[in-house]
PDB file of N, CA and C in Angstrom:
ATOM      1  N   ARG A   1     -55.765 -57.087 -12.091  1.00  0.00           N
ATOM      2  CA  ARG A   1     -54.325 -57.153 -12.108  1.00  0.00           C
ATOM      3  C   ARG A   1     -53.733 -56.021 -12.945  1.00  0.00           C
ATOM      4  N   ALA A   2     -54.360 -55.688 -14.028  1.00  0.00           N
ATOM      5  CA  ALA A   2     -53.896 -54.599 -14.886  1.00  0.00           C
ATOM      6  C   ALA A   2     -53.936 -53.286 -14.114  1.00  0.00           C
ATOM      7  N   ARG A   3     -54.961 -53.110 -13.290  1.00  0.00           N
ATOM      8  CA  ARG A   3     -55.062 -51.898 -12.484  1.00  0.00           C
ATOM      9  C   ARG A   3     -53.907 -51.839 -11.494  1.00  0.00           C
ATOM     10  N   GLU A   4     -53.564 -52.951 -10.863  1.00  0.00           N
ATOM     11  CA  GLU A   4     -52.446 -52.988  -9.921  1.00  0.00           C
ATOM     12  C   GLU A   4     -51.133 -52.638 -10.630  1.00  0.00           C
ATOM     13  N   GLU A   5     -50.957 -53.188 -11.849  1.00  0.00           N
ATOM     14  CA  GLU A   5     -49.743 -52.863 -12.608  1.00  0.00           C
ATOM     15  C   GLU A   5     -49.712 -51.383 -12.966  1.00  0.00           C
ATOM     16  N   ALA A   6     -50.877 -50.854 -13.345  1.00  0.00           N
ATOM     17  CA  ALA A   6     -50.951 -49.435 -13.691  1.00  0.00           C
ATOM     18  C   ALA A   6     -50.647 -48.590 -12.461  1.00  0.00           C
ATOM     19  N   GLU A   7     -51.178 -48.966 -11.329  1.00  0.00           N
ATOM     20  CA  GLU A   7     -50.899 -48.240 -10.092  1.00  0.00           C
ATOM     21  C   GLU A   7     -49.423 -48.333  -9.729  1.00  0.00           C
ATOM     22  N   GLN A   8     -48.834 -49.535  -9.917  1.00  0.00           N
ATOM     23  CA  GLN A   8     -47.409 -49.722  -9.623  1.00  0.00           C
ATOM     24  C   GLN A   8     -46.573 -48.831 -10.537  1.00  0.00           C
ATOM     25  N   ILE A   9     -46.927 -48.806 -11.840  1.00  0.00           N
ATOM     26  CA  ILE A   9     -46.192 -47.959 -12.798  1.00  0.00           C
ATOM     27  C   ILE A   9     -46.347 -46.496 -12.398  1.00  0.00           C
ATOM     28  N   GLN A  10     -47.569 -46.087 -12.064  1.00  0.00           N
ATOM     29  CA  GLN A  10     -47.830 -44.706 -11.646  1.00  0.00           C
ATOM     30  C   GLN A  10     -46.982 -44.369 -10.422  1.00  0.00           C
ATOM     31  N   LYS A  11     -46.949 -45.303  -9.450  1.00  0.00           N
ATOM     32  CA  LYS A  11     -46.176 -45.083  -8.224  1.00  0.00           C
ATOM     33  C   LYS A  11     -44.691 -44.946  -8.544  1.00  0.00           C
ATOM     34  N   GLU A  12     -44.166 -45.804  -9.425  1.00  0.00           N
ATOM     35  CA  GLU A  12     -42.753 -45.734  -9.802  1.00  0.00           C
ATOM     36  C   GLU A  12     -42.451 -44.424 -10.541  1.00  0.00           C
ATOM     37  N   GLU A  13     -43.352 -44.000 -11.420  1.00  0.00           N
ATOM     38  CA  GLU A  13     -43.155 -42.741 -12.143  1.00  0.00           C
ATOM     39  C   GLU A  13     -43.135 -41.563 -11.163  1.00  0.00           C
ATOM     40  N   GLU A  14     -44.035 -41.585 -10.181  1.00  0.00           N
ATOM     41  CA  GLU A  14     -44.062 -40.514  -9.182  1.00  0.00           C
ATOM     42  C   GLU A  14     -42.778 -40.511  -8.359  1.00  0.00           C
ATOM     43  N   GLU A  15     -42.302 -41.720  -7.971  1.00  0.00           N
ATOM     44  CA  GLU A  15     -41.045 -41.806  -7.228  1.00  0.00           C
ATOM     45  C   GLU A  15     -39.881 -41.308  -8.078  1.00  0.00           C
ATOM     46  N   HIS A  16     -39.886 -41.707  -9.362  1.00  0.00           N
ATOM     47  CA  HIS A  16     -38.830 -41.267 -10.283  1.00  0.00           C
ATOM     48  C   HIS A  16     -38.853 -39.739 -10.405  1.00  0.00           C
ATOM     49  N   GLU A  17     -40.051 -39.172 -10.572  1.00  0.00           N
ATOM     50  CA  GLU A  17     -40.192 -37.721 -10.687  1.00  0.00           C
ATOM     51  C   GLU A  17     -39.735 -37.032  -9.398  1.00  0.00           C
ATOM     52  N   ALA A  18     -40.081 -37.616  -8.248  1.00  0.00           N
ATOM     53  CA  ALA A  18     -39.665 -37.041  -6.972  1.00  0.00           C
ATOM     54  C   ALA A  18     -38.139 -37.063  -6.850  1.00  0.00           C
ATOM     55  N   ARG A  19     -37.511 -38.200  -7.286  1.00  0.00           N
ATOM     56  CA  ARG A  19     -36.042 -38.277  -7.246  1.00  0.00           C
ATOM     57  C   ARG A  19     -35.420 -37.254  -8.200  1.00  0.00           C
ATOM     58  N   ARG A  20     -36.004 -37.094  -9.388  1.00  0.00           N
ATOM     59  CA  ARG A  20     -35.493 -36.121 -10.368  1.00  0.00           C
ATOM     60  C   ARG A  20     -35.565 -34.702  -9.789  1.00  0.00           C
ATOM     61  N   ILE A  21     -36.696 -34.377  -9.164  1.00  0.00           N
ATOM     62  CA  ILE A  21     -36.865 -33.042  -8.563  1.00  0.00           C
ATOM     63  C   ILE A  21     -35.861 -32.845  -7.419  1.00  0.00           C
ATOM     64  N   ALA A  22     -35.692 -33.886  -6.595  1.00  0.00           N
ATOM     65  CA  ALA A  22     -34.740 -33.800  -5.485  1.00  0.00           C
ATOM     66  C   ALA A  22     -33.321 -33.603  -6.018  1.00  0.00           C
ATOM     67  N   LEU A  23     -32.975 -34.340  -7.107  1.00  0.00           N
ATOM     68  CA  LEU A  23     -31.639 -34.182  -7.710  1.00  0.00           C
ATOM     69  C   LEU A  23     -31.461 -32.782  -8.279  1.00  0.00           C
ATOM     70  N   GLU A  24     -32.473 -32.260  -8.953  1.00  0.00           N
ATOM     71  CA  GLU A  24     -32.386 -30.901  -9.497  1.00  0.00           C
ATOM     72  C   GLU A  24     -32.189 -29.889  -8.370  1.00  0.00           C
ATOM     73  N   GLU A  25     -32.938 -30.058  -7.292  1.00  0.00           N
ATOM     74  CA  GLU A  25     -32.839 -29.157  -6.144  1.00  0.00           C
ATOM     75  C   GLU A  25     -31.436 -29.236  -5.524  1.00  0.00           C
ATOM     76  N   ALA A  26     -30.923 -30.460  -5.362  1.00  0.00           N
ATOM     77  CA  ALA A  26     -29.584 -30.636  -4.794  1.00  0.00           C
ATOM     78  C   ALA A  26     -28.530 -30.011  -5.716  1.00  0.00           C
ATOM     79  N   SER A  27     -28.716 -30.202  -7.019  1.00  0.00           N
ATOM     80  CA  SER A  27     -27.778 -29.636  -7.987  1.00  0.00           C
ATOM     81  C   SER A  27     -27.822 -28.102  -7.946  1.00  0.00           C
ATOM     82  N   ARG A  28     -29.039 -27.537  -7.888  1.00  0.00           N
ATOM     83  CA  ARG A  28     -29.196 -26.083  -7.822  1.00  0.00           C
ATOM     84  C   ARG A  28     -28.530 -25.542  -6.547  1.00  0.00           C
ATOM     85  N   ARG A  29     -28.765 -26.230  -5.441  1.00  0.00           N
ATOM     86  CA  ARG A  29     -28.185 -25.793  -4.158  1.00  0.00           C
ATOM     87  C   ARG A  29     -26.656 -25.895  -4.202  1.00  0.00           C
ATOM     88  N   ALA A  30     -26.151 -26.963  -4.826  1.00  0.00           N
ATOM     89  CA  ALA A  30     -24.694 -27.113  -4.952  1.00  0.00           C
ATOM     90  C   ALA A  30     -24.117 -25.965  -5.770  1.00  0.00           C
ATOM     91  N   ARG A  31     -24.812 -25.568  -6.858  1.00  0.00           N
ATOM     92  CA  ARG A  31     -24.348 -24.432  -7.662  1.00  0.00           C
ATOM     93  C   ARG A  31     -24.368 -23.138  -6.847  1.00  0.00           C
ATOM     94  N   GLU A  32     -25.426 -22.949  -6.063  1.00  0.00           N
ATOM     95  CA  GLU A  32     -25.507 -21.759  -5.209  1.00  0.00           C
ATOM     96  C   GLU A  32     -24.352 -21.722  -4.210  1.00  0.00           C
ATOM     97  N   ILE A  33     -24.089 -22.857  -3.584  1.00  0.00           N
ATOM     98  CA  ILE A  33     -23.000 -22.934  -2.604  1.00  0.00           C
ATOM     99  C   ILE A  33     -21.663 -22.618  -3.285  1.00  0.00           C
ATOM    100  N   ALA A  34     -21.459 -23.202  -4.477  1.00  0.00           N
ATOM    101  CA  ALA A  34     -20.216 -22.954  -5.205  1.00  0.00           C
ATOM    102  C   ALA A  34     -20.080 -21.467  -5.543  1.00  0.00           C
ATOM    103  N   GLN A  35     -21.194 -20.833  -5.959  1.00  0.00           N
ATOM    104  CA  GLN A  35     -21.147 -19.401  -6.266  1.00  0.00           C
ATOM    105  C   GLN A  35     -20.851 -18.586  -5.014  1.00  0.00           C
ATOM    106  N   GLU A  36     -21.473 -18.983  -3.898  1.00  0.00           N
ATOM    107  CA  GLU A  36     -21.218 -18.269  -2.646  1.00  0.00           C
ATOM    108  C   GLU A  36     -19.753 -18.409  -2.242  1.00  0.00           C
ATOM    109  N   GLU A  37     -19.207 -19.633  -2.382  1.00  0.00           N
ATOM    110  CA  GLU A  37     -17.798 -19.841  -2.034  1.00  0.00           C
ATOM    111  C   GLU A  37     -16.895 -19.040  -2.962  1.00  0.00           C
ATOM    112  N   GLU A  38     -17.242 -19.021  -4.254  1.00  0.00           N
ATOM    113  CA  GLU A  38     -16.443 -18.264  -5.220  1.00  0.00           C
ATOM    114  C   GLU A  38     -16.492 -16.775  -4.883  1.00  0.00           C
ATOM    115  N   ALA A  39     -17.682 -16.292  -4.552  1.00  0.00           N
ATOM    116  CA  ALA A  39     -17.830 -14.877  -4.183  1.00  0.00           C
ATOM    117  C   ALA A  39     -17.041 -14.595  -2.905  1.00  0.00           C
ATOM    118  N   SER A  40     -17.089 -15.510  -1.952  1.00  0.00           N
ATOM    119  CA  SER A  40     -16.360 -15.330  -0.700  1.00  0.00           C
ATOM    120  C   SER A  40     -14.851 -15.301  -0.959  1.00  0.00           C
ATOM    121  N   GLU A  41     -14.387 -16.223  -1.821  1.00  0.00           N
ATOM    122  CA  GLU A  41     -12.958 -16.250  -2.157  1.00  0.00           C
ATOM    123  C   GLU A  41     -12.553 -14.975  -2.880  1.00  0.00           C
ATOM    124  N   ALA A  42     -13.416 -14.510  -3.794  1.00  0.00           N
ATOM    125  CA  ALA A  42     -13.114 -13.271  -4.513  1.00  0.00           C
ATOM    126  C   ALA A  42     -13.054 -12.098  -3.537  1.00  0.00           C
ATOM    127  N   ALA A  43     -13.987 -12.053  -2.598  1.00  0.00           N
ATOM    128  CA  ALA A  43     -13.990 -10.977  -1.603  1.00  0.00           C
ATOM    129  C   ALA A  43     -12.724 -11.048  -0.751  1.00  0.00           C
ATOM    130  N   GLU A  44     -12.316 -12.251  -0.394  1.00  0.00           N
ATOM    131  CA  GLU A  44     -11.090 -12.425   0.402  1.00  0.00           C
ATOM    132  C   GLU A  44      -9.867 -11.959  -0.394  1.00  0.00           C
ATOM    133  N   ARG A  45      -9.817 -12.310  -1.686  1.00  0.00           N
ATOM    134  CA  ARG A  45      -8.704 -11.848  -2.533  1.00  0.00           C
ATOM    135  C   ARG A  45      -8.678 -10.325  -2.593  1.00  0.00           C
ATOM    136  N   LEU A  46      -9.859  -9.732  -2.791  1.00  0.00           N
ATOM    137  CA  LEU A  46      -9.924  -8.268  -2.850  1.00  0.00           C
ATOM    138  C   LEU A  46      -9.465  -7.644  -1.535  1.00  0.00           C
ATOM    139  N   ARG A  47      -9.880  -8.232  -0.416  1.00  0.00           N
ATOM    140  CA  ARG A  47      -9.486  -7.711   0.889  1.00  0.00           C
ATOM    141  C   ARG A  47      -7.966  -7.782   1.050  1.00  0.00           C
ATOM    142  N   LYS A  48      -7.383  -8.927   0.655  1.00  0.00           N
ATOM    143  CA  LYS A  48      -5.925  -9.076   0.767  1.00  0.00           C
ATOM    144  C   LYS A  48      -5.203  -8.082  -0.138  1.00  0.00           C
ATOM    145  N   GLU A  49      -5.711  -7.900  -1.366  1.00  0.00           N
ATOM    146  CA  GLU A  49      -5.087  -6.942  -2.280  1.00  0.00           C
ATOM    147  C   GLU A  49      -5.146  -5.534  -1.692  1.00  0.00           C
ATOM    148  N   GLU A  50      -6.296  -5.195  -1.117  1.00  0.00           N
ATOM    149  CA  GLU A  50      -6.446  -3.879  -0.498  1.00  0.00           C
ATOM    150  C   GLU A  50      -5.475  -3.722   0.675  1.00  0.00           C
ATOM    151  N   GLU A  51      -5.335  -4.773   1.487  1.00  0.00           N
ATOM    152  CA  GLU A  51      -4.383  -4.723   2.607  1.00  0.00           C
ATOM    153  C   GLU A  51      -2.962  -4.528   2.090  1.00  0.00           C
ATOM    154  N   GLU A  52      -2.613  -5.230   1.009  1.00  0.00           N
ATOM    155  CA  GLU A  52      -1.265  -5.095   0.438  1.00  0.00           C
ATOM    156  C   GLU A  52      -1.044  -3.677  -0.084  1.00  0.00           C
ATOM    157  N   ARG A  53      -2.057  -3.119  -0.784  1.00  0.00           N
ATOM    158  CA  ARG A  53      -1.922  -1.738  -1.285  1.00  0.00           C
ATOM    159  C   ARG A  53      -1.756  -0.765  -0.125  1.00  0.00           C
ATOM    160  N   GLU A  54      -2.532  -0.964   0.937  1.00  0.00           N
ATOM    161  CA  GLU A  54      -2.455  -0.084   2.104  1.00  0.00           C
ATOM    162  C   GLU A  54      -1.067  -0.201   2.760  1.00  0.00           C
ATOM    163  N   ALA A  55      -0.565  -1.439   2.866  1.00  0.00           N
ATOM    164  CA  ALA A  55       0.765  -1.636   3.466  1.00  0.00           C
ATOM    165  C   ALA A  55       1.835  -0.948   2.616  1.00  0.00           C
ATOM    166  N   LYS A  56       1.728  -1.072   1.289  1.00  0.00           N
ATOM    167  CA  LYS A  56       2.703  -0.414   0.410  1.00  0.00           C
ATOM    168  C   LYS A  56       2.624   1.100   0.553  1.00  0.00           C
ATOM    169  N   ARG A  57       1.391   1.638   0.625  1.00  0.00           N
ATOM    170  CA  ARG A  57       1.210   3.082   0.753  1.00  0.00           C
ATOM    171  C   ARG A  57       1.838   3.577   2.062  1.00  0.00           C
ATOM    172  N   ILE A  58       1.590   2.843   3.136  1.00  0.00           N
ATOM    173  CA  ILE A  58       2.151   3.225   4.438  1.00  0.00           C
ATOM    174  C   ILE A  58       3.678   3.174   4.386  1.00  0.00           C
ATOM    175  N   ALA A  59       4.214   2.109   3.774  1.00  0.00           N
ATOM    176  CA  ALA A  59       5.675   1.984   3.670  1.00  0.00           C
ATOM    177  C   ALA A  59       6.252   3.142   2.861  1.00  0.00           C
ATOM    178  N   GLN A  60       5.569   3.520   1.763  1.00  0.00           N
ATOM    179  CA  GLN A  60       6.056   4.631   0.951  1.00  0.00           C
ATOM    180  C   GLN A  60       6.014   5.944   1.739  1.00  0.00           C
ATOM    181  N   GLU A  61       4.925   6.145   2.500  1.00  0.00           N
ATOM    182  CA  GLU A  61       4.836   7.363   3.304  1.00  0.00           C
ATOM    183  C   GLU A  61       5.938   7.398   4.357  1.00  0.00           C
ATOM    184  N   GLU A  62       6.186   6.245   5.003  1.00  0.00           N
ATOM    185  CA  GLU A  62       7.244   6.198   6.020  1.00  0.00           C
ATOM    186  C   GLU A  62       8.604   6.460   5.388  1.00  0.00           C
ATOM    187  N   GLU A  63       8.826   5.894   4.203  1.00  0.00           N
ATOM    188  CA  GLU A  63      10.104   6.111   3.508  1.00  0.00           C
ATOM    189  C   GLU A  63      10.257   7.587   3.130  1.00  0.00           C
ATOM    190  N   ALA A  64       9.184   8.174   2.631  1.00  0.00           N
ATOM    191  CA  ALA A  64       9.236   9.595   2.257  1.00  0.00           C
ATOM    192  C   ALA A  64       9.496  10.453   3.494  1.00  0.00           C
ATOM    193  N   SER A  65       8.857  10.111   4.594  1.00  0.00           N
ATOM    194  CA  SER A  65       9.057  10.852   5.838  1.00  0.00           C
ATOM    195  C   SER A  65      10.502  10.711   6.315  1.00  0.00           C
ATOM    196  N   ARG A  66      11.022   9.476   6.243  1.00  0.00           N
ATOM    197  CA  ARG A  66      12.408   9.232   6.669  1.00  0.00           C
ATOM    198  C   ARG A  66      13.367  10.047   5.797  1.00  0.00           C
ATOM    199  N   ARG A  67      13.125  10.016   4.480  1.00  0.00           N
ATOM    200  CA  ARG A  67      13.998  10.778   3.579  1.00  0.00           C
ATOM    201  C   ARG A  67      13.919  12.268   3.866  1.00  0.00           C
ATOM    202  N   ALA A  68      12.700  12.740   4.151  1.00  0.00           N
ATOM    203  CA  ALA A  68      12.539  14.166   4.454  1.00  0.00           C
ATOM    204  C   ALA A  68      13.299  14.520   5.727  1.00  0.00           C
ATOM    205  N   ARG A  69      13.187  13.643   6.752  1.00  0.00           N
ATOM    206  CA  ARG A  69      13.931  13.901   8.001  1.00  0.00           C
ATOM    207  C   ARG A  69      15.424  13.921   7.725  1.00  0.00           C
ATOM    208  N   GLU A  70      15.906  12.935   6.951  1.00  0.00           N
ATOM    209  CA  GLU A  70      17.339  12.900   6.651  1.00  0.00           C
ATOM    210  C   GLU A  70      17.742  14.132   5.857  1.00  0.00           C
ATOM    211  N   GLY A  71      16.873  14.529   4.930  1.00  0.00           N
ATOM    212  CA  GLY A  71      17.153  15.720   4.133  1.00  0.00           C
ATOM    213  C   GLY A  71      17.239  16.953   5.006  1.00  0.00           C
ATOM    214  N   ARG A  72      16.312  17.066   5.974  1.00  0.00           N
ATOM    215  CA  ARG A  72      16.350  18.227   6.879  1.00  0.00           C
ATOM    216  C   ARG A  72      17.609  18.197   7.729  1.00  0.00           C
ATOM    217  N   ARG A  73      17.991  16.992   8.203  1.00  0.00           N
ATOM    218  CA  ARG A  73      19.216  16.900   9.000  1.00  0.00           C
ATOM    219  C   ARG A  73      20.407  17.328   8.150  1.00  0.00           C
ATOM    220  N   SER A  74      20.436  16.856   6.918  1.00  0.00           N
ATOM    221  CA  SER A  74      21.535  17.194   6.031  1.00  0.00           C
ATOM    222  C   SER A  74      21.507  18.691   5.727  1.00  0.00           C
ATOM    223  N   ASP A  75      20.301  19.258   5.525  1.00  0.00           N
ATOM    224  CA  ASP A  75      20.180  20.697   5.276  1.00  0.00           C
ATOM    225  C   ASP A  75      20.692  21.488   6.475  1.00  0.00           C
ATOM    226  N   SER A  76      20.307  21.057   7.682  1.00  0.00           N
ATOM    227  CA  SER A  76      20.733  21.811   8.862  1.00  0.00           C
ATOM    228  C   SER A  76      22.240  21.667   9.056  1.00  0.00           C
ATOM    229  N   ARG A  77      22.801  20.497   8.741  1.00  0.00           N
ATOM    230  CA  ARG A  77      24.265  20.341   8.823  1.00  0.00           C
ATOM    231  C   ARG A  77      24.933  21.303   7.839  1.00  0.00           C
ATOM    232  N   GLN A  78      24.380  21.355   6.627  1.00  0.00           N
ATOM    233  CA  GLN A  78      24.943  22.237   5.606  1.00  0.00           C
ATOM    234  C   GLN A  78      24.822  23.700   6.042  1.00  0.00           C
ATOM    235  N   MET A  79      23.676  24.035   6.639  1.00  0.00           N
ATOM    236  CA  MET A  79      23.498  25.418   7.098  1.00  0.00           C
ATOM    237  C   MET A  79      24.518  25.756   8.178  1.00  0.00           C
ATOM    238  N   ARG A  80      24.759  24.819   9.108  1.00  0.00           N
ATOM    239  CA  ARG A  80      25.755  25.081  10.154  1.00  0.00           C
ATOM    240  C   ARG A  80      27.141  25.271   9.523  1.00  0.00           C
ATOM    241  N   LYS A  81      27.479  24.452   8.535  1.00  0.00           N
ATOM    242  CA  LYS A  81      28.773  24.609   7.854  1.00  0.00           C
ATOM    243  C   LYS A  81      28.851  25.985   7.193  1.00  0.00           C
ATOM    244  N   ASN A  82      27.742  26.374   6.526  1.00  0.00           N
ATOM    245  CA  ASN A  82      27.727  27.675   5.852  1.00  0.00           C
ATOM    246  C   ASN A  82      27.901  28.805   6.857  1.00  0.00           C
ATOM    247  N   VAL A  83      27.212  28.719   8.002  1.00  0.00           N
ATOM    248  CA  VAL A  83      27.322  29.757   9.030  1.00  0.00           C
ATOM    249  C   VAL A  83      28.765  29.849   9.507  1.00  0.00           C
ATOM    250  N   LYS A  84      29.387  28.701   9.769  1.00  0.00           N
ATOM    251  CA  LYS A  84      30.787  28.701  10.225  1.00  0.00           C
ATOM    252  C   LYS A  84      31.694  29.288   9.154  1.00  0.00           C
ATOM    253  N   ARG A  85      31.484  28.870   7.895  1.00  0.00           N
ATOM    254  CA  ARG A  85      32.323  29.371   6.808  1.00  0.00           C
ATOM    255  C   ARG A  85      32.141  30.874   6.649  1.00  0.00           C
ATOM    256  N   ASN A  86      30.861  31.321   6.686  1.00  0.00           N
ATOM    257  CA  ASN A  86      30.598  32.758   6.551  1.00  0.00           C
ATOM    258  C   ASN A  86      31.218  33.539   7.696  1.00  0.00           C
ATOM    259  N   ALA A  87      31.103  32.993   8.911  1.00  0.00           N
ATOM    260  CA  ALA A  87      31.685  33.673  10.068  1.00  0.00           C
ATOM    261  C   ALA A  87      33.205  33.744   9.914  1.00  0.00           C
ATOM    262  N   ALA A  88      33.817  32.650   9.493  1.00  0.00           N
ATOM    263  CA  ALA A  88      35.271  32.638   9.305  1.00  0.00           C
ATOM    264  C   ALA A  88      35.675  33.633   8.224  1.00  0.00           C
ATOM    265  N   GLU A  89      34.891  33.679   7.146  1.00  0.00           N
ATOM    266  CA  GLU A  89      35.186  34.622   6.062  1.00  0.00           C
ATOM    267  C   GLU A  89      35.055  36.071   6.561  1.00  0.00           C
ATOM    268  N   ARG A  90      34.000  36.331   7.324  1.00  0.00           N
ATOM    269  CA  ARG A  90      33.778  37.674   7.862  1.00  0.00           C
ATOM    270  C   ARG A  90      34.936  38.063   8.795  1.00  0.00           C
ATOM    271  N   LEU A  91      35.348  37.135   9.674  1.00  0.00           N
ATOM    272  CA  LEU A  91      36.467  37.423  10.573  1.00  0.00           C
ATOM    273  C   LEU A  91      37.745  37.684   9.783  1.00  0.00           C
ATOM    274  N   ARG A  92      37.986  36.899   8.737  1.00  0.00           N
ATOM    275  CA  ARG A  92      39.186  37.093   7.924  1.00  0.00           C
ATOM    276  C   ARG A  92      39.173  38.472   7.274  1.00  0.00           C
ATOM    277  N   LYS A  93      38.011  38.879   6.719  1.00  0.00           N
ATOM    278  CA  LYS A  93      37.917  40.206   6.082  1.00  0.00           C
ATOM    279  C   LYS A  93      38.110  41.323   7.113  1.00  0.00           C
ATOM    280  N   GLU A  94      37.477  41.147   8.270  1.00  0.00           N
ATOM    281  CA  GLU A  94      37.650  42.169   9.315  1.00  0.00           C
ATOM    282  C   GLU A  94      39.113  42.288   9.717  1.00  0.00           C
ATOM    283  N   GLU A  95      39.795  41.140   9.834  1.00  0.00           N
ATOM    284  CA  GLU A  95      41.220  41.138  10.194  1.00  0.00           C
ATOM    285  C   GLU A  95      42.033  41.827   9.101  1.00  0.00           C
ATOM    286  N   GLU A  96      41.693  41.552   7.832  1.00  0.00           N
ATOM    287  CA  GLU A  96      42.414  42.210   6.732  1.00  0.00           C
ATOM    288  C   GLU A  96      42.211  43.719   6.768  1.00  0.00           C
ATOM    289  N   GLU A  97      40.956  44.128   7.067  1.00  0.00           N
ATOM    290  CA  GLU A  97      40.676  45.565   7.135  1.00  0.00           C
ATOM    291  C   GLU A  97      41.483  46.221   8.264  1.00  0.00           C
ATOM    292  N   ARG A  98      41.559  45.544   9.428  1.00  0.00           N
ATOM    293  CA  ARG A  98      42.344  46.095  10.538  1.00  0.00           C
ATOM    294  C   ARG A  98      43.830  46.193  10.144  1.00  0.00           C
ATOM    295  N   GLU A  99      44.311  45.123   9.495  1.00  0.00           N
ATOM    296  CA  GLU A  99      45.718  45.136   9.040  1.00  0.00           C
ATOM    297  C   GLU A  99      45.944  46.274   8.048  1.00  0.00           C
ATOM    298  N   ALA A 100      44.980  46.476   7.132  1.00  0.00           N
ATOM    299  CA  ALA A 100      45.122  47.522   6.111  1.00  0.00           C
ATOM    300  C   ALA A 100      45.139  48.901   6.765  1.00  0.00           C
ATOM    301  N   LYS A 101      44.369  49.086   7.810  1.00  0.00           N
ATOM    302  CA  LYS A 101      44.359  50.378   8.508  1.00  0.00           C
ATOM    303  C   LYS A 101      45.700  50.610   9.190  1.00  0.00           C
ATOM    304  N   ARG A 102      46.268  49.516   9.735  1.00  0.00           N
ATOM    305  CA  ARG A 102      47.559  49.654  10.404  1.00  0.00           C
ATOM    306  C   ARG A 102      48.675  49.842   9.392  1.00  0.00           C
ATOM    307  N   ASP A 103      48.565  49.197   8.233  1.00  0.00           N
ATOM    308  CA  ASP A 103      49.619  49.262   7.228  1.00  0.00           C
ATOM    309  C   ASP A 103      48.993  49.665   5.889  1.00  0.00           C
ATOM    310  N   PRO A 104      48.927  50.968   5.600  1.00  0.00           N
ATOM    311  CA  PRO A 104      48.237  51.446   4.399  1.00  0.00           C
ATOM    312  C   PRO A 104      48.785  50.860   3.087  1.00  0.00           C
ATOM    313  N   GLU A 105      50.044  50.433   3.049  1.00  0.00           N
ATOM    314  CA  GLU A 105      50.601  49.868   1.800  1.00  0.00           C
ATOM    315  C   GLU A 105      49.943  48.542   1.452  1.00  0.00           C
ATOM    316  N   ARG A 106      49.468  47.803   2.444  1.00  0.00           N
ATOM    317  CA  ARG A 106      48.875  46.479   2.186  1.00  0.00           C
ATOM    318  C   ARG A 106      47.423  46.585   1.702  1.00  0.00           C
ATOM    319  N   ARG A 107      46.851  47.801   1.841  1.00  0.00           N
ATOM    320  CA  ARG A 107      45.445  47.977   1.440  1.00  0.00           C
ATOM    321  C   ARG A 107      45.271  47.586  -0.022  1.00  0.00           C
ATOM    322  N   GLY A 108      44.226  46.845  -0.308  1.00  0.00           N
ATOM    323  CA  GLY A 108      43.938  46.451  -1.692  1.00  0.00           C
ATOM    324  C   GLY A 108      44.582  45.135  -2.065  1.00  0.00           C
ATOM    325  N   ARG A 109      45.583  44.666  -1.333  1.00  0.00           N
ATOM    326  CA  ARG A 109      46.196  43.360  -1.606  1.00  0.00           C
ATOM    327  C   ARG A 109      45.603  42.322  -0.690  1.00  0.00           C
ATOM    328  N   THR A 110      45.328  41.131  -1.251  1.00  0.00           N
ATOM    329  CA  THR A 110      44.805  40.051  -0.416  1.00  0.00           C
ATOM    330  C   THR A 110      45.646  38.833  -0.539  1.00  0.00           C
TER     331      THR A 110
END
């Protein structure tokens, strides 16, 4: 009978040890899964941050391009105004010179 009790105790200890090992394995696997999920979430956050930076960069480039286009349009408008003003000024001076040739007393007065 003592041998049967010893065998029963041995069997229970082996079962207990097997359960302990199984629990340790399950716990280790749960930690691995949690680390994998954390790494996956971190990678997803990094990907989203990178997408946001890229979107901001593209928006800034588009804004800079738009401003440059508007600046060029404004520059060309200003150049056209300058050309018209210069042409008008040149015509006025030419007219004054013709008048001065016709009327020598007016020469030198503007």
